[in-house]
Amino acid sequence: GEEYSYKDLSSGQKLIVAIAFQLSLLLESGKEGFVIADEGFSNLDIENIKLILELFKNLPFQLLCVVHRLEDIVDGVYIIDLGE
């Protein structure tokens, strides 16, 4: 029952809203393809990173992103490990 404005959101929450908005615009225009995410994912906690990865599994997009801290890999997600 609480109402929040955009400025009340954390940086991670703002990122999720931005991702959802951009994906909805792409879907609305019938786009599909490859999405590259930069270091912005560092603002997300592990659970929210998993939510984003799960979201992309059901969309006509492939996601390339850098994730530094993810132990349990979501099914259907393929990891390129460049070593430490």
PDB file of N, CA and C in Angstrom:
ATOM      1  N   GLY A   1       0.790  -1.193   0.000  1.00  0.00           N
ATOM      2  CA  GLY A   1       0.000   0.000   0.000  1.00  0.00           C
ATOM      3  C   GLY A   1       0.840   1.269   0.000  1.00  0.00           C
ATOM      4  N   GLU A   2       2.166   1.133   0.030  1.00  0.00           N
ATOM      5  CA  GLU A   2       3.031   2.310   0.026  1.00  0.00           C
ATOM      6  C   GLU A   2       3.224   2.806  -1.406  1.00  0.00           C
ATOM      7  N   GLU A   3       3.375   4.103  -1.549  1.00  0.00           N
ATOM      8  CA  GLU A   3       3.702   4.685  -2.845  1.00  0.00           C
ATOM      9  C   GLU A   3       5.081   5.293  -2.777  1.00  0.00           C
ATOM     10  N   TYR A   4       5.878   5.024  -3.787  1.00  0.00           N
ATOM     11  CA  TYR A   4       7.228   5.550  -3.857  1.00  0.00           C
ATOM     12  C   TYR A   4       7.396   6.282  -5.175  1.00  0.00           C
ATOM     13  N   SER A   5       8.205   7.313  -5.151  1.00  0.00           N
ATOM     14  CA  SER A   5       8.555   7.978  -6.401  1.00  0.00           C
ATOM     15  C   SER A   5       9.897   7.410  -6.859  1.00  0.00           C
ATOM     16  N   TYR A   6      10.259   7.708  -8.075  1.00  0.00           N
ATOM     17  CA  TYR A   6      11.500   7.184  -8.635  1.00  0.00           C
ATOM     18  C   TYR A   6      12.703   7.574  -7.779  1.00  0.00           C
ATOM     19  N   LYS A   7      12.694   8.786  -7.237  1.00  0.00           N
ATOM     20  CA  LYS A   7      13.838   9.252  -6.437  1.00  0.00           C
ATOM     21  C   LYS A   7      13.983   8.485  -5.123  1.00  0.00           C
ATOM     22  N   ASP A   8      12.921   7.793  -4.682  1.00  0.00           N
ATOM     23  CA  ASP A   8      12.976   7.013  -3.448  1.00  0.00           C
ATOM     24  C   ASP A   8      13.630   5.644  -3.631  1.00  0.00           C
ATOM     25  N   LEU A   9      13.820   5.228  -4.874  1.00  0.00           N
ATOM     26  CA  LEU A   9      14.366   3.906  -5.155  1.00  0.00           C
ATOM     27  C   LEU A   9      15.873   3.876  -4.945  1.00  0.00           C
ATOM     28  N   SER A  10      16.391   2.704  -4.597  1.00  0.00           N
ATOM     29  CA  SER A  10      17.836   2.521  -4.507  1.00  0.00           C
ATOM     30  C   SER A  10      18.410   2.476  -5.922  1.00  0.00           C
ATOM     31  N   SER A  11      19.721   2.539  -6.039  1.00  0.00           N
ATOM     32  CA  SER A  11      20.337   2.497  -7.367  1.00  0.00           C
ATOM     33  C   SER A  11      20.052   1.161  -8.062  1.00  0.00           C
ATOM     34  N   GLY A  12      20.021   0.067  -7.301  1.00  0.00           N
ATOM     35  CA  GLY A  12      19.686  -1.236  -7.885  1.00  0.00           C
ATOM     36  C   GLY A  12      18.248  -1.294  -8.361  1.00  0.00           C
ATOM     37  N   GLN A  13      17.332  -0.740  -7.576  1.00  0.00           N
ATOM     38  CA  GLN A  13      15.920  -0.706  -7.968  1.00  0.00           C
ATOM     39  C   GLN A  13      15.720   0.163  -9.203  1.00  0.00           C
ATOM     40  N   LYS A  14      16.431   1.281  -9.269  1.00  0.00           N
ATOM     41  CA  LYS A  14      16.351   2.145 -10.453  1.00  0.00           C
ATOM     42  C   LYS A  14      16.846   1.398 -11.688  1.00  0.00           C
ATOM     43  N   LEU A  15      17.897   0.601 -11.512  1.00  0.00           N
ATOM     44  CA  LEU A  15      18.429  -0.170 -12.630  1.00  0.00           C
ATOM     45  C   LEU A  15      17.412  -1.193 -13.122  1.00  0.00           C
ATOM     46  N   ILE A  16      16.734  -1.878 -12.210  1.00  0.00           N
ATOM     47  CA  ILE A  16      15.722  -2.862 -12.611  1.00  0.00           C
ATOM     48  C   ILE A  16      14.573  -2.178 -13.349  1.00  0.00           C
ATOM     49  N   VAL A  17      14.135  -1.024 -12.871  1.00  0.00           N
ATOM     50  CA  VAL A  17      13.074  -0.274 -13.551  1.00  0.00           C
ATOM     51  C   VAL A  17      13.547   0.136 -14.951  1.00  0.00           C
ATOM     52  N   ALA A  18      14.786   0.591 -15.067  1.00  0.00           N
ATOM     53  CA  ALA A  18      15.319   1.000 -16.366  1.00  0.00           C
ATOM     54  C   ALA A  18      15.403  -0.181 -17.331  1.00  0.00           C
ATOM     55  N   ILE A  19      15.841  -1.332 -16.841  1.00  0.00           N
ATOM     56  CA  ILE A  19      15.920  -2.533 -17.677  1.00  0.00           C
ATOM     57  C   ILE A  19      14.528  -2.931 -18.149  1.00  0.00           C
ATOM     58  N   ALA A  20      13.576  -2.958 -17.231  1.00  0.00           N
ATOM     59  CA  ALA A  20      12.203  -3.338 -17.589  1.00  0.00           C
ATOM     60  C   ALA A  20      11.626  -2.377 -18.622  1.00  0.00           C
ATOM     61  N   PHE A  21      11.858  -1.077 -18.443  1.00  0.00           N
ATOM     62  CA  PHE A  21      11.340  -0.085 -19.378  1.00  0.00           C
ATOM     63  C   PHE A  21      11.964  -0.253 -20.762  1.00  0.00           C
ATOM     64  N   GLN A  22      13.282  -0.395 -20.805  1.00  0.00           N
ATOM     65  CA  GLN A  22      13.961  -0.554 -22.101  1.00  0.00           C
ATOM     66  C   GLN A  22      13.530  -1.841 -22.808  1.00  0.00           C
ATOM     67  N   LEU A  23      13.408  -2.938 -22.050  1.00  0.00           N
ATOM     68  CA  LEU A  23      12.964  -4.193 -22.660  1.00  0.00           C
ATOM     69  C   LEU A  23      11.536  -4.090 -23.177  1.00  0.00           C
ATOM     70  N   SER A  24      10.683  -3.392 -22.446  1.00  0.00           N
ATOM     71  CA  SER A  24       9.299  -3.242 -22.903  1.00  0.00           C
ATOM     72  C   SER A  24       9.244  -2.439 -24.193  1.00  0.00           C
ATOM     73  N   LEU A  25      10.093  -1.428 -24.319  1.00  0.00           N
ATOM     74  CA  LEU A  25      10.148  -0.657 -25.569  1.00  0.00           C
ATOM     75  C   LEU A  25      10.613  -1.520 -26.735  1.00  0.00           C
ATOM     76  N   LEU A  26      11.636  -2.350 -26.488  1.00  0.00           N
ATOM     77  CA  LEU A  26      12.128  -3.243 -27.539  1.00  0.00           C
ATOM     78  C   LEU A  26      11.071  -4.267 -27.937  1.00  0.00           C
ATOM     79  N   LEU A  27      10.403  -4.841 -26.950  1.00  0.00           N
ATOM     80  CA  LEU A  27       9.355  -5.829 -27.243  1.00  0.00           C
ATOM     81  C   LEU A  27       8.188  -5.190 -27.992  1.00  0.00           C
ATOM     82  N   GLU A  28       7.798  -4.004 -27.591  1.00  0.00           N
ATOM     83  CA  GLU A  28       6.686  -3.298 -28.227  1.00  0.00           C
ATOM     84  C   GLU A  28       6.962  -3.038 -29.705  1.00  0.00           C
ATOM     85  N   SER A  29       8.223  -2.775 -30.016  1.00  0.00           N
ATOM     86  CA  SER A  29       8.574  -2.497 -31.413  1.00  0.00           C
ATOM     87  C   SER A  29       8.954  -3.760 -32.183  1.00  0.00           C
ATOM     88  N   GLY A  30       8.770  -4.921 -31.554  1.00  0.00           N
ATOM     89  CA  GLY A  30       9.004  -6.191 -32.244  1.00  0.00           C
ATOM     90  C   GLY A  30      10.472  -6.551 -32.411  1.00  0.00           C
ATOM     91  N   LYS A  31      11.333  -5.959 -31.624  1.00  0.00           N
ATOM     92  CA  LYS A  31      12.770  -6.234 -31.735  1.00  0.00           C
ATOM     93  C   LYS A  31      13.133  -7.541 -31.044  1.00  0.00           C
ATOM     94  N   GLU A  32      14.238  -8.100 -31.466  1.00  0.00           N
ATOM     95  CA  GLU A  32      14.847  -9.248 -30.808  1.00  0.00           C
ATOM     96  C   GLU A  32      16.329  -9.188 -31.115  1.00  0.00           C
ATOM     97  N   GLY A  33      17.130  -9.895 -30.329  1.00  0.00           N
ATOM     98  CA  GLY A  33      18.551  -9.889 -30.616  1.00  0.00           C
ATOM     99  C   GLY A  33      19.427  -9.949 -29.388  1.00  0.00           C
ATOM    100  N   PHE A  34      20.486  -9.178 -29.421  1.00  0.00           N
ATOM    101  CA  PHE A  34      21.593  -9.263 -28.476  1.00  0.00           C
ATOM    102  C   PHE A  34      21.631  -7.995 -27.636  1.00  0.00           C
ATOM    103  N   VAL A  35      21.676  -8.145 -26.306  1.00  0.00           N
ATOM    104  CA  VAL A  35      21.746  -7.009 -25.387  1.00  0.00           C
ATOM    105  C   VAL A  35      23.047  -7.118 -24.607  1.00  0.00           C
ATOM    106  N   ILE A  36      23.793  -6.020 -24.559  1.00  0.00           N
ATOM    107  CA  ILE A  36      25.044  -5.979 -23.805  1.00  0.00           C
ATOM    108  C   ILE A  36      24.836  -5.070 -22.606  1.00  0.00           C
ATOM    109  N   ALA A  37      25.108  -5.597 -21.415  1.00  0.00           N
ATOM    110  CA  ALA A  37      24.989  -4.815 -20.182  1.00  0.00           C
ATOM    111  C   ALA A  37      26.396  -4.535 -19.659  1.00  0.00           C
ATOM    112  N   ASP A  38      26.621  -3.305 -19.254  1.00  0.00           N
ATOM    113  CA  ASP A  38      27.946  -2.949 -18.766  1.00  0.00           C
ATOM    114  C   ASP A  38      28.036  -3.166 -17.262  1.00  0.00           C
ATOM    115  N   GLU A  39      28.892  -2.451 -16.603  1.00  0.00           N
ATOM    116  CA  GLU A  39      29.157  -2.634 -15.178  1.00  0.00           C
ATOM    117  C   GLU A  39      27.990  -2.263 -14.267  1.00  0.00           C
ATOM    118  N   GLY A  40      26.881  -1.775 -14.795  1.00  0.00           N
ATOM    119  CA  GLY A  40      25.741  -1.382 -13.978  1.00  0.00           C
ATOM    120  C   GLY A  40      25.202  -2.506 -13.113  1.00  0.00           C
ATOM    121  N   PHE A  41      25.443  -3.739 -13.501  1.00  0.00           N
ATOM    122  CA  PHE A  41      24.938  -4.865 -12.719  1.00  0.00           C
ATOM    123  C   PHE A  41      25.589  -4.934 -11.349  1.00  0.00           C
ATOM    124  N   SER A  42      26.668  -4.225 -11.140  1.00  0.00           N
ATOM    125  CA  SER A  42      27.313  -4.227  -9.821  1.00  0.00           C
ATOM    126  C   SER A  42      26.422  -3.574  -8.771  1.00  0.00           C
ATOM    127  N   ASN A  43      25.397  -2.816  -9.198  1.00  0.00           N
ATOM    128  CA  ASN A  43      24.444  -2.197  -8.272  1.00  0.00           C
ATOM    129  C   ASN A  43      23.377  -3.179  -7.781  1.00  0.00           C
ATOM    130  N   LEU A  44      23.321  -4.355  -8.391  1.00  0.00           N
ATOM    131  CA  LEU A  44      22.298  -5.332  -8.031  1.00  0.00           C
ATOM    132  C   LEU A  44      22.839  -6.337  -7.030  1.00  0.00           C
ATOM    133  N   ASP A  45      21.973  -6.754  -6.095  1.00  0.00           N
ATOM    134  CA  ASP A  45      22.376  -7.844  -5.213  1.00  0.00           C
ATOM    135  C   ASP A  45      22.204  -9.162  -5.970  1.00  0.00           C
ATOM    136  N   ILE A  46      22.663 -10.236  -5.386  1.00  0.00           N
ATOM    137  CA  ILE A  46      22.676 -11.523  -6.076  1.00  0.00           C
ATOM    138  C   ILE A  46      21.273 -11.969  -6.476  1.00  0.00           C
ATOM    139  N   GLU A  47      20.295 -11.791  -5.591  1.00  0.00           N
ATOM    140  CA  GLU A  47      18.923 -12.210  -5.919  1.00  0.00           C
ATOM    141  C   GLU A  47      18.372 -11.436  -7.106  1.00  0.00           C
ATOM    142  N   ASN A  48      18.646 -10.138  -7.174  1.00  0.00           N
ATOM    143  CA  ASN A  48      18.148  -9.336  -8.299  1.00  0.00           C
ATOM    144  C   ASN A  48      18.873  -9.662  -9.596  1.00  0.00           C
ATOM    145  N   ILE A  49      20.163 -10.003  -9.503  1.00  0.00           N
ATOM    146  CA  ILE A  49      20.881 -10.461 -10.700  1.00  0.00           C
ATOM    147  C   ILE A  49      20.230 -11.731 -11.230  1.00  0.00           C
ATOM    148  N   LYS A  50      19.907 -12.644 -10.326  1.00  0.00           N
ATOM    149  CA  LYS A  50      19.246 -13.890 -10.741  1.00  0.00           C
ATOM    150  C   LYS A  50      17.887 -13.610 -11.376  1.00  0.00           C
ATOM    151  N   LEU A  51      17.149 -12.633 -10.838  1.00  0.00           N
ATOM    152  CA  LEU A  51      15.851 -12.267 -11.429  1.00  0.00           C
ATOM    153  C   LEU A  51      16.019 -11.752 -12.857  1.00  0.00           C
ATOM    154  N   ILE A  52      17.027 -10.918 -13.065  1.00  0.00           N
ATOM    155  CA  ILE A  52      17.280 -10.390 -14.407  1.00  0.00           C
ATOM    156  C   ILE A  52      17.664 -11.516 -15.359  1.00  0.00           C
ATOM    157  N   LEU A  53      18.535 -12.423 -14.922  1.00  0.00           N
ATOM    158  CA  LEU A  53      18.927 -13.555 -15.769  1.00  0.00           C
ATOM    159  C   LEU A  53      17.731 -14.438 -16.091  1.00  0.00           C
ATOM    160  N   GLU A  54      16.881 -14.659 -15.111  1.00  0.00           N
ATOM    161  CA  GLU A  54      15.672 -15.461 -15.325  1.00  0.00           C
ATOM    162  C   GLU A  54      14.738 -14.767 -16.314  1.00  0.00           C
ATOM    163  N   LEU A  55      14.628 -13.459 -16.211  1.00  0.00           N
ATOM    164  CA  LEU A  55      13.782 -12.690 -17.119  1.00  0.00           C
ATOM    165  C   LEU A  55      14.226 -12.872 -18.563  1.00  0.00           C
ATOM    166  N   PHE A  56      15.518 -12.813 -18.805  1.00  0.00           N
ATOM    167  CA  PHE A  56      16.020 -12.917 -20.163  1.00  0.00           C
ATOM    168  C   PHE A  56      15.807 -14.303 -20.763  1.00  0.00           C
ATOM    169  N   LYS A  57      15.656 -15.326 -19.930  1.00  0.00           N
ATOM    170  CA  LYS A  57      15.420 -16.673 -20.448  1.00  0.00           C
ATOM    171  C   LYS A  57      14.106 -16.757 -21.208  1.00  0.00           C
ATOM    172  N   ASN A  58      13.153 -15.890 -20.885  1.00  0.00           N
ATOM    173  CA  ASN A  58      11.824 -15.957 -21.484  1.00  0.00           C
ATOM    174  C   ASN A  58      11.569 -14.854 -22.508  1.00  0.00           C
ATOM    175  N   LEU A  59      12.615 -14.195 -22.938  1.00  0.00           N
ATOM    176  CA  LEU A  59      12.483 -13.107 -23.904  1.00  0.00           C
ATOM    177  C   LEU A  59      13.291 -13.421 -25.156  1.00  0.00           C
ATOM    178  N   PRO A  60      12.964 -12.765 -26.269  1.00  0.00           N
ATOM    179  CA  PRO A  60      13.697 -13.036 -27.522  1.00  0.00           C
ATOM    180  C   PRO A  60      15.019 -12.265 -27.604  1.00  0.00           C
ATOM    181  N   PHE A  61      15.729 -12.192 -26.480  1.00  0.00           N
ATOM    182  CA  PHE A  61      16.999 -11.487 -26.420  1.00  0.00           C
ATOM    183  C   PHE A  61      18.049 -12.372 -25.782  1.00  0.00           C
ATOM    184  N   GLN A  62      19.287 -12.183 -26.209  1.00  0.00           N
ATOM    185  CA  GLN A  62      20.420 -12.792 -25.528  1.00  0.00           C
ATOM    186  C   GLN A  62      21.116 -11.682 -24.761  1.00  0.00           C
ATOM    187  N   LEU A  63      21.564 -11.986 -23.551  1.00  0.00           N
ATOM    188  CA  LEU A  63      22.198 -11.005 -22.693  1.00  0.00           C
ATOM    189  C   LEU A  63      23.663 -11.346 -22.503  1.00  0.00           C
ATOM    190  N   LEU A  64      24.520 -10.363 -22.730  1.00  0.00           N
ATOM    191  CA  LEU A  64      25.932 -10.482 -22.415  1.00  0.00           C
ATOM    192  C   LEU A  64      26.209  -9.479 -21.307  1.00  0.00           C
ATOM    193  N   CYS A  65      26.681  -9.978 -20.168  1.00  0.00           N
ATOM    194  CA  CYS A  65      26.943  -9.079 -19.044  1.00  0.00           C
ATOM    195  C   CYS A  65      28.138  -9.585 -18.247  1.00  0.00           C
ATOM    196  N   VAL A  66      28.709  -8.687 -17.474  1.00  0.00           N
ATOM    197  CA  VAL A  66      29.806  -9.024 -16.584  1.00  0.00           C
ATOM    198  C   VAL A  66      29.223  -9.155 -15.186  1.00  0.00           C
ATOM    199  N   VAL A  67      29.390 -10.333 -14.588  1.00  0.00           N
ATOM    200  CA  VAL A  67      28.911 -10.574 -13.228  1.00  0.00           C
ATOM    201  C   VAL A  67      30.093 -11.097 -12.431  1.00  0.00           C
ATOM    202  N   HIS A  68      30.414 -10.397 -11.366  1.00  0.00           N
ATOM    203  CA  HIS A  68      31.596 -10.749 -10.586  1.00  0.00           C
ATOM    204  C   HIS A  68      31.301 -11.691  -9.434  1.00  0.00           C
ATOM    205  N   ARG A  69      30.049 -11.758  -9.009  1.00  0.00           N
ATOM    206  CA  ARG A  69      29.749 -12.518  -7.792  1.00  0.00           C
ATOM    207  C   ARG A  69      28.448 -13.306  -7.958  1.00  0.00           C
ATOM    208  N   LEU A  70      28.542 -14.463  -8.539  1.00  0.00           N
ATOM    209  CA  LEU A  70      27.363 -15.297  -8.713  1.00  0.00           C
ATOM    210  C   LEU A  70      27.785 -16.744  -8.532  1.00  0.00           C
ATOM    211  N   GLU A  71      27.282 -17.362  -7.470  1.00  0.00           N
ATOM    212  CA  GLU A  71      27.683 -18.734  -7.171  1.00  0.00           C
ATOM    213  C   GLU A  71      26.738 -19.752  -7.788  1.00  0.00           C
ATOM    214  N   ASP A  72      25.450 -19.610  -7.553  1.00  0.00           N
ATOM    215  CA  ASP A  72      24.463 -20.540  -8.098  1.00  0.00           C
ATOM    216  C   ASP A  72      24.017 -20.034  -9.457  1.00  0.00           C
ATOM    217  N   ILE A  73      24.379 -20.764 -10.493  1.00  0.00           N
ATOM    218  CA  ILE A  73      24.067 -20.344 -11.848  1.00  0.00           C
ATOM    219  C   ILE A  73      22.636 -20.760 -12.191  1.00  0.00           C
ATOM    220  N   VAL A  74      21.881 -19.834 -12.739  1.00  0.00           N
ATOM    221  CA  VAL A  74      20.509 -20.085 -13.164  1.00  0.00           C
ATOM    222  C   VAL A  74      20.538 -21.064 -14.335  1.00  0.00           C
ATOM    223  N   ASP A  75      19.651 -22.071 -14.336  1.00  0.00           N
ATOM    224  CA  ASP A  75      19.569 -23.020 -15.444  1.00  0.00           C
ATOM    225  C   ASP A  75      19.342 -22.270 -16.751  1.00  0.00           C
ATOM    226  N   GLY A  76      20.026 -22.704 -17.800  1.00  0.00           N
ATOM    227  CA  GLY A  76      19.868 -22.077 -19.100  1.00  0.00           C
ATOM    228  C   GLY A  76      20.788 -20.885 -19.319  1.00  0.00           C
ATOM    229  N   VAL A  77      21.588 -20.550 -18.318  1.00  0.00           N
ATOM    230  CA  VAL A  77      22.541 -19.448 -18.436  1.00  0.00           C
ATOM    231  C   VAL A  77      23.924 -20.050 -18.657  1.00  0.00           C
ATOM    232  N   TYR A  78      24.620 -19.559 -19.651  1.00  0.00           N
ATOM    233  CA  TYR A  78      25.932 -20.087 -19.981  1.00  0.00           C
ATOM    234  C   TYR A  78      27.001 -19.084 -19.566  1.00  0.00           C
ATOM    235  N   ILE A  79      28.034 -19.586 -18.920  1.00  0.00           N
ATOM    236  CA  ILE A  79      29.073 -18.757 -18.336  1.00  0.00           C
ATOM    237  C   ILE A  79      30.358 -18.890 -19.163  1.00  0.00           C
ATOM    238  N   ILE A  80      30.964 -17.742 -19.425  1.00  0.00           N
ATOM    239  CA  ILE A  80      32.308 -17.713 -20.010  1.00  0.00           C
ATOM    240  C   ILE A  80      33.235 -17.278 -18.887  1.00  0.00           C
ATOM    241  N   ASP A  81      34.041 -18.190 -18.397  1.00  0.00           N
ATOM    242  CA  ASP A  81      34.943 -17.918 -17.282  1.00  0.00           C
ATOM    243  C   ASP A  81      36.312 -17.547 -17.843  1.00  0.00           C
ATOM    244  N   LEU A  82      36.703 -16.307 -17.623  1.00  0.00           N
ATOM    245  CA  LEU A  82      37.981 -15.845 -18.138  1.00  0.00           C
ATOM    246  C   LEU A  82      39.106 -16.017 -17.139  1.00  0.00           C
ATOM    247  N   GLY A  83      38.841 -16.737 -16.059  1.00  0.00           N
ATOM    248  CA  GLY A  83      39.854 -16.965 -15.033  1.00  0.00           C
ATOM    249  C   GLY A  83      39.881 -15.814 -14.035  1.00  0.00           C
ATOM    250  N   GLU A  84      40.708 -15.983 -13.036  1.00  0.00           N
ATOM    251  CA  GLU A  84      40.747 -14.939 -11.988  1.00  0.00           C
ATOM    252  C   GLU A  84      41.916 -14.023 -12.192  1.00  0.00           C
TER     253      GLU A  84
END
